[in-house]
Amino acid sequence: MRAASGLANPSVAIKCAAGVYSKYSAARSAATEMAKGRNASLCFTNSFKFSLTYEAHGDARAFPVILLHGFPDDARAFDTVAPPLAAAGYRVLVPYLRGYGPTRFLDPKAPRMAQQAAIGQDLLHFMDALALRSVGLAGYDWGGRAACIAAILAPERVRGLVTIGGYNVQNPQNQPAPATPRAERAYWYQWYFNTERGRLGLERNRRELCRLLWQEWSPSWRFDDATFERSAVSFDNADFVATVIQSYRHRFGYAAGDPALEAIEQRLVAQPAIIVPTIVLHGAGDGVHPPEGSAAHGRYFTGRYQRVVIPVIGHNIPQEAPIAVAEAVRDLLAR
């Protein structure tokens, strides 16, 4: 049975891969080939500042579920999450976030920023561009943050939220006291990115650095070269380094934000509660954000709430435990 549609206008026009993509054809052609092998359509929409590329699975008239990747990853994170959701009767949309894969800024002079308000607003603009009045959301890392922020800013448009790692909203104005040396060591890449040496390191060694993060954050996951490379091609986006660096500098107060987003940032400083039904998933083996970090996050969720710690699994739950993600989404939306 097809899930009830969340489209405000099911006939809204979108563009899906069928031909040449002008100046972005190379990146989109590569993504199109990957999408074809997964029974998905590669589509794009001009959403506010972007030509935002996304993969679409399932019946276009069905209730939409948006799956959001993190850093350093791309739409490939959900290759084994999207099909069972589509088979269950949902329309599954998997966007490439700003700075990744074939998504491109429309204005070549626009600042390349990825502060939390930006990625949260991007998600809402994406929903607007496709005329989606109500959706289910699931995301991890940056994608989990975008999903949490959308649920805060527009709770009436989010039927259910699966956030991996807990409440992912930051407060750049109130940095916590230093953690234990072991915990601080896990965030070495963030300190690194706040230096010019780190920016150059990401620019010159992006594959080696990002692969190391995958290994450290998911120590029990034995991914092969091909699995990593399928996502790593998205890091070749010309905006990848600049957006990543701005994100990690802004959160510590070492980079200016977009003045147009200041009102949202100020709202997020208060760490607002999320009122929509939520399931938090956390990997017991997460090497960058151990599960103790989300143990007390229940106070941030005032609607129906459940937290599940998955044994052994690390940070990249969508690829390490895809069935757990798909089941969490189905469970929330079926209630």
C-alpha atoms as a PDB file:
ATOM      1  CA  MET A   1       0.000   0.000   0.000  1.00  0.00           C
ATOM      2  CA  ARG A   2       1.319   3.424  -0.898  1.00  0.00           C
ATOM      3  CA  ALA A   3       1.962   5.721   2.076  1.00  0.00           C
ATOM      4  CA  ALA A   4      -0.228   8.834   2.211  1.00  0.00           C
ATOM      5  CA  SER A   5       1.276  11.655   0.189  1.00  0.00           C
ATOM      6  CA  GLY A   6       3.018  14.552   1.916  1.00  0.00           C
ATOM      7  CA  LEU A   7       3.048  16.621  -1.248  1.00  0.00           C
ATOM      8  CA  ALA A   8       1.379  19.999  -1.253  1.00  0.00           C
ATOM      9  CA  ASN A   9       1.414  19.707  -5.037  1.00  0.00           C
ATOM     10  CA  PRO A  10       2.222  16.192  -6.286  1.00  0.00           C
ATOM     11  CA  SER A  11       2.668  17.498  -9.835  1.00  0.00           C
ATOM     12  CA  VAL A  12       5.420  19.971  -8.909  1.00  0.00           C
ATOM     13  CA  ALA A  13       8.065  20.114 -11.608  1.00  0.00           C
ATOM     14  CA  ILE A  14      11.500  18.662 -10.966  1.00  0.00           C
ATOM     15  CA  LYS A  15      14.272  17.729 -13.332  1.00  0.00           C
ATOM     16  CA  CYS A  16      15.608  14.197 -13.371  1.00  0.00           C
ATOM     17  CA  ALA A  17      18.623  12.739 -15.105  1.00  0.00           C
ATOM     18  CA  ALA A  18      17.994  12.090 -18.746  1.00  0.00           C
ATOM     19  CA  GLY A  19      20.614  14.014 -20.642  1.00  0.00           C
ATOM     20  CA  VAL A  20      23.352  16.583 -20.480  1.00  0.00           C
ATOM     21  CA  TYR A  21      23.777  18.916 -17.509  1.00  0.00           C
ATOM     22  CA  SER A  22      25.703  21.780 -19.125  1.00  0.00           C
ATOM     23  CA  LYS A  23      28.660  22.933 -17.002  1.00  0.00           C
ATOM     24  CA  TYR A  24      28.002  20.310 -14.288  1.00  0.00           C
ATOM     25  CA  SER A  25      27.564  17.353 -16.623  1.00  0.00           C
ATOM     26  CA  ALA A  26      30.665  15.419 -15.522  1.00  0.00           C
ATOM     27  CA  ALA A  27      29.773  15.290 -11.845  1.00  0.00           C
ATOM     28  CA  ARG A  28      26.125  14.592 -12.519  1.00  0.00           C
ATOM     29  CA  SER A  29      26.905  11.955 -15.118  1.00  0.00           C
ATOM     30  CA  ALA A  30      28.974  10.050 -12.562  1.00  0.00           C
ATOM     31  CA  ALA A  31      26.204  10.351  -9.978  1.00  0.00           C
ATOM     32  CA  THR A  32      23.609   9.309 -12.560  1.00  0.00           C
ATOM     33  CA  GLU A  33      25.441   6.059 -13.246  1.00  0.00           C
ATOM     34  CA  MET A  34      25.497   5.277  -9.521  1.00  0.00           C
ATOM     35  CA  ALA A  35      21.805   6.060  -9.205  1.00  0.00           C
ATOM     36  CA  LYS A  36      20.897   3.860 -12.180  1.00  0.00           C
ATOM     37  CA  GLY A  37      22.537   0.872 -10.537  1.00  0.00           C
ATOM     38  CA  ARG A  38      20.327   1.367  -7.503  1.00  0.00           C
ATOM     39  CA  ASN A  39      16.952   1.785  -9.233  1.00  0.00           C
ATOM     40  CA  ALA A  40      16.936   5.482  -8.344  1.00  0.00           C
ATOM     41  CA  SER A  41      16.508   8.649 -10.380  1.00  0.00           C
ATOM     42  CA  LEU A  42      19.059  11.434 -10.122  1.00  0.00           C
ATOM     43  CA  CYS A  43      17.190  14.731  -9.963  1.00  0.00           C
ATOM     44  CA  PHE A  44      18.012  18.344  -9.330  1.00  0.00           C
ATOM     45  CA  THR A  45      16.166  21.471  -8.362  1.00  0.00           C
ATOM     46  CA  ASN A  46      17.247  25.072  -8.072  1.00  0.00           C
ATOM     47  CA  SER A  47      16.672  25.491  -4.351  1.00  0.00           C
ATOM     48  CA  PHE A  48      17.420  29.043  -3.191  1.00  0.00           C
ATOM     49  CA  LYS A  49      21.235  29.323  -3.587  1.00  0.00           C
ATOM     50  CA  PHE A  50      21.840  25.933  -5.155  1.00  0.00           C
ATOM     51  CA  SER A  51      21.366  23.600  -7.974  1.00  0.00           C
ATOM     52  CA  LEU A  52      20.762  20.861  -5.428  1.00  0.00           C
ATOM     53  CA  THR A  53      21.117  17.279  -6.625  1.00  0.00           C
ATOM     54  CA  TYR A  54      19.276  14.399  -5.004  1.00  0.00           C
ATOM     55  CA  GLU A  55      18.398  10.779  -5.630  1.00  0.00           C
ATOM     56  CA  ALA A  56      14.757   9.737  -5.697  1.00  0.00           C
ATOM     57  CA  HIS A  57      13.410   6.249  -4.980  1.00  0.00           C
ATOM     58  CA  GLY A  58       9.870   4.975  -5.068  1.00  0.00           C
ATOM     59  CA  ASP A  59       6.491   6.336  -6.110  1.00  0.00           C
ATOM     60  CA  ALA A  60       6.502  10.118  -6.598  1.00  0.00           C
ATOM     61  CA  ARG A  61       2.965  10.250  -5.139  1.00  0.00           C
ATOM     62  CA  ALA A  62       3.896   8.522  -1.877  1.00  0.00           C
ATOM     63  CA  PHE A  63       4.674  10.097   1.478  1.00  0.00           C
ATOM     64  CA  PRO A  64       8.217  11.550   1.331  1.00  0.00           C
ATOM     65  CA  VAL A  65      11.135  10.550   3.521  1.00  0.00           C
ATOM     66  CA  ILE A  66      14.350  12.567   3.299  1.00  0.00           C
ATOM     67  CA  LEU A  67      17.650  10.880   4.222  1.00  0.00           C
ATOM     68  CA  LEU A  68      20.576  13.190   5.024  1.00  0.00           C
ATOM     69  CA  HIS A  69      24.254  12.270   4.966  1.00  0.00           C
ATOM     70  CA  GLY A  70      27.070  13.643   7.084  1.00  0.00           C
ATOM     71  CA  PHE A  71      30.733  14.544   6.851  1.00  0.00           C
ATOM     72  CA  PRO A  72      32.683  13.013   5.195  1.00  0.00           C
ATOM     73  CA  ASP A  73      30.108  11.072   3.195  1.00  0.00           C
ATOM     74  CA  ASP A  74      27.435  11.493   0.530  1.00  0.00           C
ATOM     75  CA  ALA A  75      24.208   9.966  -0.747  1.00  0.00           C
ATOM     76  CA  ARG A  76      25.869   6.535  -0.930  1.00  0.00           C
ATOM     77  CA  ALA A  77      25.462   6.299   2.853  1.00  0.00           C
ATOM     78  CA  PHE A  78      21.820   5.324   2.294  1.00  0.00           C
ATOM     79  CA  ASP A  79      22.175   2.841  -0.556  1.00  0.00           C
ATOM     80  CA  THR A  80      20.797   0.023   1.587  1.00  0.00           C
ATOM     81  CA  VAL A  81      18.362   2.179   3.588  1.00  0.00           C
ATOM     82  CA  ALA A  82      16.428   3.737   0.705  1.00  0.00           C
ATOM     83  CA  PRO A  83      15.301   0.538  -1.129  1.00  0.00           C
ATOM     84  CA  PRO A  84      13.424  -1.066   1.793  1.00  0.00           C
ATOM     85  CA  LEU A  85      11.719   2.238   2.543  1.00  0.00           C
ATOM     86  CA  ALA A  86      10.676   2.599  -1.096  1.00  0.00           C
ATOM     87  CA  ALA A  87       9.442  -1.002  -1.041  1.00  0.00           C
ATOM     88  CA  ALA A  88       7.381  -0.149   2.050  1.00  0.00           C
ATOM     89  CA  GLY A  89       5.545   2.517   0.070  1.00  0.00           C
ATOM     90  CA  TYR A  90       7.509   5.713   0.704  1.00  0.00           C
ATOM     91  CA  ARG A  91       9.017   8.257  -1.656  1.00  0.00           C
ATOM     92  CA  VAL A  92      12.665   8.417  -0.585  1.00  0.00           C
ATOM     93  CA  LEU A  93      14.771  11.496  -1.356  1.00  0.00           C
ATOM     94  CA  VAL A  94      18.513  11.546  -0.695  1.00  0.00           C
ATOM     95  CA  PRO A  95      20.116  14.955  -1.328  1.00  0.00           C
ATOM     96  CA  TYR A  96      23.784  15.785  -1.690  1.00  0.00           C
ATOM     97  CA  LEU A  97      24.473  18.504   0.884  1.00  0.00           C
ATOM     98  CA  ARG A  98      26.143  21.789  -0.036  1.00  0.00           C
ATOM     99  CA  GLY A  99      29.781  21.175  -0.923  1.00  0.00           C
ATOM    100  CA  TYR A 100      29.274  17.519  -1.905  1.00  0.00           C
ATOM    101  CA  GLY A 101      28.997  15.675  -5.198  1.00  0.00           C
ATOM    102  CA  PRO A 102      27.050  17.360  -7.995  1.00  0.00           C
ATOM    103  CA  THR A 103      25.280  19.955  -5.807  1.00  0.00           C
ATOM    104  CA  ARG A 104      26.492  23.405  -6.841  1.00  0.00           C
ATOM    105  CA  PHE A 105      26.148  27.015  -5.704  1.00  0.00           C
ATOM    106  CA  LEU A 106      24.303  29.059  -8.318  1.00  0.00           C
ATOM    107  CA  ASP A 107      26.363  32.189  -7.583  1.00  0.00           C
ATOM    108  CA  PRO A 108      30.099  31.633  -8.062  1.00  0.00           C
ATOM    109  CA  LYS A 109      30.767  34.591  -5.740  1.00  0.00           C
ATOM    110  CA  ALA A 110      28.582  33.391  -2.864  1.00  0.00           C
ATOM    111  CA  PRO A 111      30.479  32.636   0.370  1.00  0.00           C
ATOM    112  CA  ARG A 112      31.014  28.911   0.836  1.00  0.00           C
ATOM    113  CA  MET A 113      29.518  28.349   4.255  1.00  0.00           C
ATOM    114  CA  ALA A 114      28.121  25.307   6.024  1.00  0.00           C
ATOM    115  CA  GLN A 115      27.303  26.556   9.501  1.00  0.00           C
ATOM    116  CA  GLN A 116      24.454  24.693  11.191  1.00  0.00           C
ATOM    117  CA  ALA A 117      21.781  27.273  10.320  1.00  0.00           C
ATOM    118  CA  ALA A 118      22.766  27.035   6.657  1.00  0.00           C
ATOM    119  CA  ILE A 119      22.325  23.288   6.351  1.00  0.00           C
ATOM    120  CA  GLY A 120      19.096  23.395   8.349  1.00  0.00           C
ATOM    121  CA  GLN A 121      17.705  26.121   6.130  1.00  0.00           C
ATOM    122  CA  ASP A 122      18.897  24.248   3.028  1.00  0.00           C
ATOM    123  CA  LEU A 123      16.692  21.343   4.058  1.00  0.00           C
ATOM    124  CA  LEU A 124      13.635  23.560   4.447  1.00  0.00           C
ATOM    125  CA  HIS A 125      14.314  25.227   1.086  1.00  0.00           C
ATOM    126  CA  PHE A 126      14.639  21.773  -0.489  1.00  0.00           C
ATOM    127  CA  MET A 127      11.238  20.850   0.935  1.00  0.00           C
ATOM    128  CA  ASP A 128       9.805  24.119  -0.379  1.00  0.00           C
ATOM    129  CA  ALA A 129      11.276  23.570  -3.853  1.00  0.00           C
ATOM    130  CA  LEU A 130       9.560  20.179  -4.078  1.00  0.00           C
ATOM    131  CA  ALA A 131       6.366  21.476  -2.420  1.00  0.00           C
ATOM    132  CA  LEU A 132       6.572  18.948   0.409  1.00  0.00           C
ATOM    133  CA  ARG A 133       4.204  19.974   3.170  1.00  0.00           C
ATOM    134  CA  SER A 134       5.062  17.054   5.494  1.00  0.00           C
ATOM    135  CA  VAL A 135       7.998  14.637   5.575  1.00  0.00           C
ATOM    136  CA  GLY A 136       9.826  12.043   7.578  1.00  0.00           C
ATOM    137  CA  LEU A 137      13.475  12.862   8.278  1.00  0.00           C
ATOM    138  CA  ALA A 138      16.505  10.735   9.070  1.00  0.00           C
ATOM    139  CA  GLY A 139      20.098  11.885   9.219  1.00  0.00           C
ATOM    140  CA  TYR A 140      23.462  11.446  10.817  1.00  0.00           C
ATOM    141  CA  ASP A 141      26.358  13.777  11.574  1.00  0.00           C
ATOM    142  CA  TRP A 142      25.772  16.969   9.507  1.00  0.00           C
ATOM    143  CA  GLY A 143      22.564  15.432   8.185  1.00  0.00           C
ATOM    144  CA  GLY A 144      21.308  14.697  11.691  1.00  0.00           C
ATOM    145  CA  ARG A 145      21.994  18.313  12.594  1.00  0.00           C
ATOM    146  CA  ALA A 146      20.056  19.591   9.570  1.00  0.00           C
ATOM    147  CA  ALA A 147      17.147  17.292  10.442  1.00  0.00           C
ATOM    148  CA  CYS A 148      17.058  18.418  14.081  1.00  0.00           C
ATOM    149  CA  ILE A 149      17.102  22.074  13.043  1.00  0.00           C
ATOM    150  CA  ALA A 150      14.291  21.591  10.530  1.00  0.00           C
ATOM    151  CA  ALA A 151      12.261  19.879  13.253  1.00  0.00           C
ATOM    152  CA  ILE A 152      12.834  22.893  15.516  1.00  0.00           C
ATOM    153  CA  LEU A 153      12.079  25.553  12.901  1.00  0.00           C
ATOM    154  CA  ALA A 154       9.108  23.836  11.240  1.00  0.00           C
ATOM    155  CA  PRO A 155       7.768  21.053  13.493  1.00  0.00           C
ATOM    156  CA  GLU A 156       4.413  21.083  11.713  1.00  0.00           C
ATOM    157  CA  ARG A 157       6.185  19.806   8.578  1.00  0.00           C
ATOM    158  CA  VAL A 158       8.027  16.890  10.216  1.00  0.00           C
ATOM    159  CA  ARG A 159       5.941  13.815  10.974  1.00  0.00           C
ATOM    160  CA  GLY A 160       8.853  11.913  12.482  1.00  0.00           C
ATOM    161  CA  LEU A 161      12.597  12.310  13.090  1.00  0.00           C
ATOM    162  CA  VAL A 162      15.347   9.694  13.252  1.00  0.00           C
ATOM    163  CA  THR A 163      18.479  11.437  14.451  1.00  0.00           C
ATOM    164  CA  ILE A 164      21.669   9.431  14.688  1.00  0.00           C
ATOM    165  CA  GLY A 165      23.868  10.459  17.582  1.00  0.00           C
ATOM    166  CA  GLY A 166      21.191  12.362  19.515  1.00  0.00           C
ATOM    167  CA  TYR A 167      20.377  16.064  19.715  1.00  0.00           C
ATOM    168  CA  ASN A 168      22.812  17.486  17.182  1.00  0.00           C
ATOM    169  CA  VAL A 169      22.223  21.219  17.605  1.00  0.00           C
ATOM    170  CA  GLN A 170      25.281  23.250  18.606  1.00  0.00           C
ATOM    171  CA  ASN A 171      25.706  26.359  20.727  1.00  0.00           C
ATOM    172  CA  PRO A 172      28.804  28.148  19.392  1.00  0.00           C
ATOM    173  CA  GLN A 173      28.414  30.866  22.024  1.00  0.00           C
ATOM    174  CA  ASN A 174      28.722  28.481  24.939  1.00  0.00           C
ATOM    175  CA  GLN A 175      31.568  26.084  24.329  1.00  0.00           C
ATOM    176  CA  PRO A 176      31.757  23.379  27.009  1.00  0.00           C
ATOM    177  CA  ALA A 177      34.714  22.978  29.305  1.00  0.00           C
ATOM    178  CA  PRO A 178      37.531  20.755  28.014  1.00  0.00           C
ATOM    179  CA  ALA A 179      36.703  17.070  28.075  1.00  0.00           C
ATOM    180  CA  THR A 180      39.075  14.278  29.059  1.00  0.00           C
ATOM    181  CA  PRO A 181      42.246  14.029  26.985  1.00  0.00           C
ATOM    182  CA  ARG A 182      40.960  10.810  25.406  1.00  0.00           C
ATOM    183  CA  ALA A 183      37.717  12.490  24.357  1.00  0.00           C
ATOM    184  CA  GLU A 184      39.530  15.584  23.102  1.00  0.00           C
ATOM    185  CA  ARG A 185      41.835  13.431  21.008  1.00  0.00           C
ATOM    186  CA  ALA A 186      38.860  12.080  19.055  1.00  0.00           C
ATOM    187  CA  TYR A 187      38.192  15.619  17.790  1.00  0.00           C
ATOM    188  CA  TRP A 188      41.697  16.158  16.472  1.00  0.00           C
ATOM    189  CA  TYR A 189      40.389  16.855  12.961  1.00  0.00           C
ATOM    190  CA  GLN A 190      38.296  19.766  14.260  1.00  0.00           C
ATOM    191  CA  TRP A 191      41.297  21.419  15.879  1.00  0.00           C
ATOM    192  CA  TYR A 192      43.284  20.707  12.708  1.00  0.00           C
ATOM    193  CA  PHE A 193      40.666  22.361  10.479  1.00  0.00           C
ATOM    194  CA  ASN A 194      40.910  25.503  12.583  1.00  0.00           C
ATOM    195  CA  THR A 195      44.447  26.049  11.317  1.00  0.00           C
ATOM    196  CA  GLU A 196      45.775  26.968   7.890  1.00  0.00           C
ATOM    197  CA  ARG A 197      47.802  23.768   7.983  1.00  0.00           C
ATOM    198  CA  GLY A 198      44.558  21.833   8.405  1.00  0.00           C
ATOM    199  CA  ARG A 199      42.875  23.589   5.515  1.00  0.00           C
ATOM    200  CA  LEU A 200      45.819  22.759   3.273  1.00  0.00           C
ATOM    201  CA  GLY A 201      45.854  19.214   4.620  1.00  0.00           C
ATOM    202  CA  LEU A 202      42.218  18.698   3.678  1.00  0.00           C
ATOM    203  CA  GLU A 203      42.801  20.310   0.291  1.00  0.00           C
ATOM    204  CA  ARG A 204      45.803  18.157  -0.580  1.00  0.00           C
ATOM    205  CA  ASN A 205      45.034  14.903   1.243  1.00  0.00           C
ATOM    206  CA  ARG A 206      41.252  14.786   1.314  1.00  0.00           C
ATOM    207  CA  ARG A 207      40.864  11.102   0.476  1.00  0.00           C
ATOM    208  CA  GLU A 208      43.514   9.897   2.896  1.00  0.00           C
ATOM    209  CA  LEU A 209      42.206  12.138   5.677  1.00  0.00           C
ATOM    210  CA  CYS A 210      38.551  11.243   5.163  1.00  0.00           C
ATOM    211  CA  ARG A 211      39.298   7.536   4.972  1.00  0.00           C
ATOM    212  CA  LEU A 212      41.178   7.801   8.257  1.00  0.00           C
ATOM    213  CA  LEU A 213      38.106   9.389   9.838  1.00  0.00           C
ATOM    214  CA  TRP A 214      35.909   6.551   8.583  1.00  0.00           C
ATOM    215  CA  GLN A 215      38.313   4.058  10.150  1.00  0.00           C
ATOM    216  CA  GLU A 216      38.593   5.866  13.474  1.00  0.00           C
ATOM    217  CA  TRP A 217      34.887   6.578  13.828  1.00  0.00           C
ATOM    218  CA  SER A 218      33.725   3.062  12.903  1.00  0.00           C
ATOM    219  CA  PRO A 219      36.544   0.805  14.119  1.00  0.00           C
ATOM    220  CA  SER A 220      34.643  -2.469  13.636  1.00  0.00           C
ATOM    221  CA  TRP A 221      33.430  -1.663  10.110  1.00  0.00           C
ATOM    222  CA  ARG A 222      35.529  -3.431   7.460  1.00  0.00           C
ATOM    223  CA  PHE A 223      34.710  -1.416   4.363  1.00  0.00           C
ATOM    224  CA  ASP A 224      36.661  -1.980   1.160  1.00  0.00           C
ATOM    225  CA  ASP A 225      38.323   0.459  -1.238  1.00  0.00           C
ATOM    226  CA  ALA A 226      35.379   0.465  -3.627  1.00  0.00           C
ATOM    227  CA  THR A 227      32.909   1.366  -0.869  1.00  0.00           C
ATOM    228  CA  PHE A 228      34.989   4.327   0.210  1.00  0.00           C
ATOM    229  CA  GLU A 229      35.667   5.531  -3.322  1.00  0.00           C
ATOM    230  CA  ARG A 230      31.969   5.551  -4.199  1.00  0.00           C
ATOM    231  CA  SER A 231      31.521   8.295  -1.605  1.00  0.00           C
ATOM    232  CA  ALA A 232      34.950   9.916  -1.962  1.00  0.00           C
ATOM    233  CA  VAL A 233      34.214  11.156  -5.476  1.00  0.00           C
ATOM    234  CA  SER A 234      31.830  13.637  -3.854  1.00  0.00           C
ATOM    235  CA  PHE A 235      34.747  15.214  -1.992  1.00  0.00           C
ATOM    236  CA  ASP A 236      36.106  16.403  -5.353  1.00  0.00           C
ATOM    237  CA  ASN A 237      33.407  19.086  -5.404  1.00  0.00           C
ATOM    238  CA  ALA A 238      35.189  22.417  -5.803  1.00  0.00           C
ATOM    239  CA  ASP A 239      33.327  23.782  -2.757  1.00  0.00           C
ATOM    240  CA  PHE A 240      34.012  20.838  -0.439  1.00  0.00           C
ATOM    241  CA  VAL A 241      37.062  22.194   1.371  1.00  0.00           C
ATOM    242  CA  ALA A 242      35.739  25.715   1.839  1.00  0.00           C
ATOM    243  CA  THR A 243      32.359  24.580   3.200  1.00  0.00           C
ATOM    244  CA  VAL A 244      33.918  22.015   5.547  1.00  0.00           C
ATOM    245  CA  ILE A 245      36.446  24.489   6.924  1.00  0.00           C
ATOM    246  CA  GLN A 246      33.825  27.199   7.499  1.00  0.00           C
ATOM    247  CA  SER A 247      31.584  24.718   9.306  1.00  0.00           C
ATOM    248  CA  TYR A 248      34.255  23.588  11.753  1.00  0.00           C
ATOM    249  CA  ARG A 249      35.606  27.081  12.341  1.00  0.00           C
ATOM    250  CA  HIS A 250      32.211  28.706  12.821  1.00  0.00           C
ATOM    251  CA  ARG A 251      31.159  26.268  15.517  1.00  0.00           C
ATOM    252  CA  PHE A 252      34.115  27.359  17.647  1.00  0.00           C
ATOM    253  CA  GLY A 253      33.747  31.057  16.900  1.00  0.00           C
ATOM    254  CA  TYR A 254      36.762  31.285  14.584  1.00  0.00           C
ATOM    255  CA  ALA A 255      34.885  32.082  11.354  1.00  0.00           C
ATOM    256  CA  ALA A 256      32.195  34.609  10.606  1.00  0.00           C
ATOM    257  CA  GLY A 257      28.717  33.371   9.827  1.00  0.00           C
ATOM    258  CA  ASP A 258      26.223  34.476   7.217  1.00  0.00           C
ATOM    259  CA  PRO A 259      24.458  37.609   8.555  1.00  0.00           C
ATOM    260  CA  ALA A 260      21.261  36.442   6.872  1.00  0.00           C
ATOM    261  CA  LEU A 261      21.289  33.382   9.134  1.00  0.00           C
ATOM    262  CA  GLU A 262      22.001  35.171  12.406  1.00  0.00           C
ATOM    263  CA  ALA A 263      18.381  35.096  13.582  1.00  0.00           C
ATOM    264  CA  ILE A 264      18.312  31.309  13.216  1.00  0.00           C
ATOM    265  CA  GLU A 265      21.673  30.943  14.952  1.00  0.00           C
ATOM    266  CA  GLN A 266      20.429  33.040  17.871  1.00  0.00           C
ATOM    267  CA  ARG A 267      17.351  30.861  18.156  1.00  0.00           C
ATOM    268  CA  LEU A 268      19.488  27.723  18.214  1.00  0.00           C
ATOM    269  CA  VAL A 269      21.709  29.125  20.983  1.00  0.00           C
ATOM    270  CA  ALA A 270      18.873  28.371  23.411  1.00  0.00           C
ATOM    271  CA  GLN A 271      19.029  24.667  22.455  1.00  0.00           C
ATOM    272  CA  PRO A 272      15.264  24.529  21.760  1.00  0.00           C
ATOM    273  CA  ALA A 273      13.339  21.361  22.452  1.00  0.00           C
ATOM    274  CA  ILE A 274      12.188  19.159  19.593  1.00  0.00           C
ATOM    275  CA  ILE A 275       8.488  18.353  19.854  1.00  0.00           C
ATOM    276  CA  VAL A 276       8.101  15.926  16.949  1.00  0.00           C
ATOM    277  CA  PRO A 277       8.163  12.133  17.495  1.00  0.00           C
ATOM    278  CA  THR A 278      11.814  11.068  17.556  1.00  0.00           C
ATOM    279  CA  ILE A 279      13.980   7.989  17.630  1.00  0.00           C
ATOM    280  CA  VAL A 280      17.656   8.462  18.473  1.00  0.00           C
ATOM    281  CA  LEU A 281      20.059   5.808  17.215  1.00  0.00           C
ATOM    282  CA  HIS A 282      23.585   5.607  18.585  1.00  0.00           C
ATOM    283  CA  GLY A 283      26.334   3.124  17.831  1.00  0.00           C
ATOM    284  CA  ALA A 284      27.933   1.559  20.878  1.00  0.00           C
ATOM    285  CA  GLY A 285      31.240   1.536  19.017  1.00  0.00           C
ATOM    286  CA  ASP A 286      31.121   5.153  17.796  1.00  0.00           C
ATOM    287  CA  GLY A 287      34.747   6.277  17.845  1.00  0.00           C
ATOM    288  CA  VAL A 288      34.121  10.021  17.656  1.00  0.00           C
ATOM    289  CA  HIS A 289      30.912  10.488  19.648  1.00  0.00           C
ATOM    290  CA  PRO A 290      30.515   7.615  22.130  1.00  0.00           C
ATOM    291  CA  PRO A 291      26.980   6.749  23.243  1.00  0.00           C
ATOM    292  CA  GLU A 292      27.446   8.310  26.670  1.00  0.00           C
ATOM    293  CA  GLY A 293      27.243  11.623  24.838  1.00  0.00           C
ATOM    294  CA  SER A 294      23.554  11.180  24.035  1.00  0.00           C
ATOM    295  CA  ALA A 295      22.520   9.377  27.226  1.00  0.00           C
ATOM    296  CA  ALA A 296      20.998  12.529  28.747  1.00  0.00           C
ATOM    297  CA  HIS A 297      19.594  13.966  25.522  1.00  0.00           C
ATOM    298  CA  GLY A 298      16.041  12.952  26.356  1.00  0.00           C
ATOM    299  CA  ARG A 299      15.568  16.374  27.953  1.00  0.00           C
ATOM    300  CA  TYR A 300      15.742  17.947  24.489  1.00  0.00           C
ATOM    301  CA  PHE A 301      12.808  15.916  23.132  1.00  0.00           C
ATOM    302  CA  THR A 302       9.357  16.664  24.494  1.00  0.00           C
ATOM    303  CA  GLY A 303       7.328  14.542  22.087  1.00  0.00           C
ATOM    304  CA  ARG A 304       7.304  10.770  21.771  1.00  0.00           C
ATOM    305  CA  TYR A 305      10.921   9.704  22.250  1.00  0.00           C
ATOM    306  CA  GLN A 306      12.988   6.544  22.095  1.00  0.00           C
ATOM    307  CA  ARG A 307      16.751   6.041  22.232  1.00  0.00           C
ATOM    308  CA  VAL A 308      18.378   2.877  20.897  1.00  0.00           C
ATOM    309  CA  VAL A 309      22.059   2.014  21.344  1.00  0.00           C
ATOM    310  CA  ILE A 310      23.160  -0.515  18.723  1.00  0.00           C
ATOM    311  CA  PRO A 311      25.877  -2.905  19.941  1.00  0.00           C
ATOM    312  CA  VAL A 312      29.273  -2.870  18.197  1.00  0.00           C
ATOM    313  CA  ILE A 313      28.200  -0.464  15.437  1.00  0.00           C
ATOM    314  CA  GLY A 314      30.198   2.744  14.980  1.00  0.00           C
ATOM    315  CA  HIS A 315      29.465   6.248  13.716  1.00  0.00           C
ATOM    316  CA  ASN A 316      28.235   5.439  10.204  1.00  0.00           C
ATOM    317  CA  ILE A 317      25.041   3.660  11.191  1.00  0.00           C
ATOM    318  CA  PRO A 318      23.354   4.015   7.763  1.00  0.00           C
ATOM    319  CA  GLN A 319      26.065   1.868   6.165  1.00  0.00           C
ATOM    320  CA  GLU A 320      26.884  -0.341   9.145  1.00  0.00           C
ATOM    321  CA  ALA A 321      23.303  -1.060  10.279  1.00  0.00           C
ATOM    322  CA  PRO A 322      20.982   0.075   7.467  1.00  0.00           C
ATOM    323  CA  ILE A 323      18.068  -2.125   8.530  1.00  0.00           C
ATOM    324  CA  ALA A 324      18.028  -0.431  11.944  1.00  0.00           C
ATOM    325  CA  VAL A 325      17.649   2.960  10.255  1.00  0.00           C
ATOM    326  CA  ALA A 326      14.932   1.790   7.858  1.00  0.00           C
ATOM    327  CA  GLU A 327      13.006   0.090  10.668  1.00  0.00           C
ATOM    328  CA  ALA A 328      13.218   3.198  12.864  1.00  0.00           C
ATOM    329  CA  VAL A 329      11.769   5.354  10.066  1.00  0.00           C
ATOM    330  CA  ARG A 330       8.981   2.871   9.364  1.00  0.00           C
ATOM    331  CA  ASP A 331       8.189   2.540  13.071  1.00  0.00           C
ATOM    332  CA  LEU A 332       7.856   6.298  13.550  1.00  0.00           C
ATOM    333  CA  LEU A 333       5.750   6.928  10.479  1.00  0.00           C
ATOM    334  CA  ALA A 334       3.441   3.951  11.034  1.00  0.00           C
ATOM    335  CA  ARG A 335       2.248   5.205  14.425  1.00  0.00           C
END
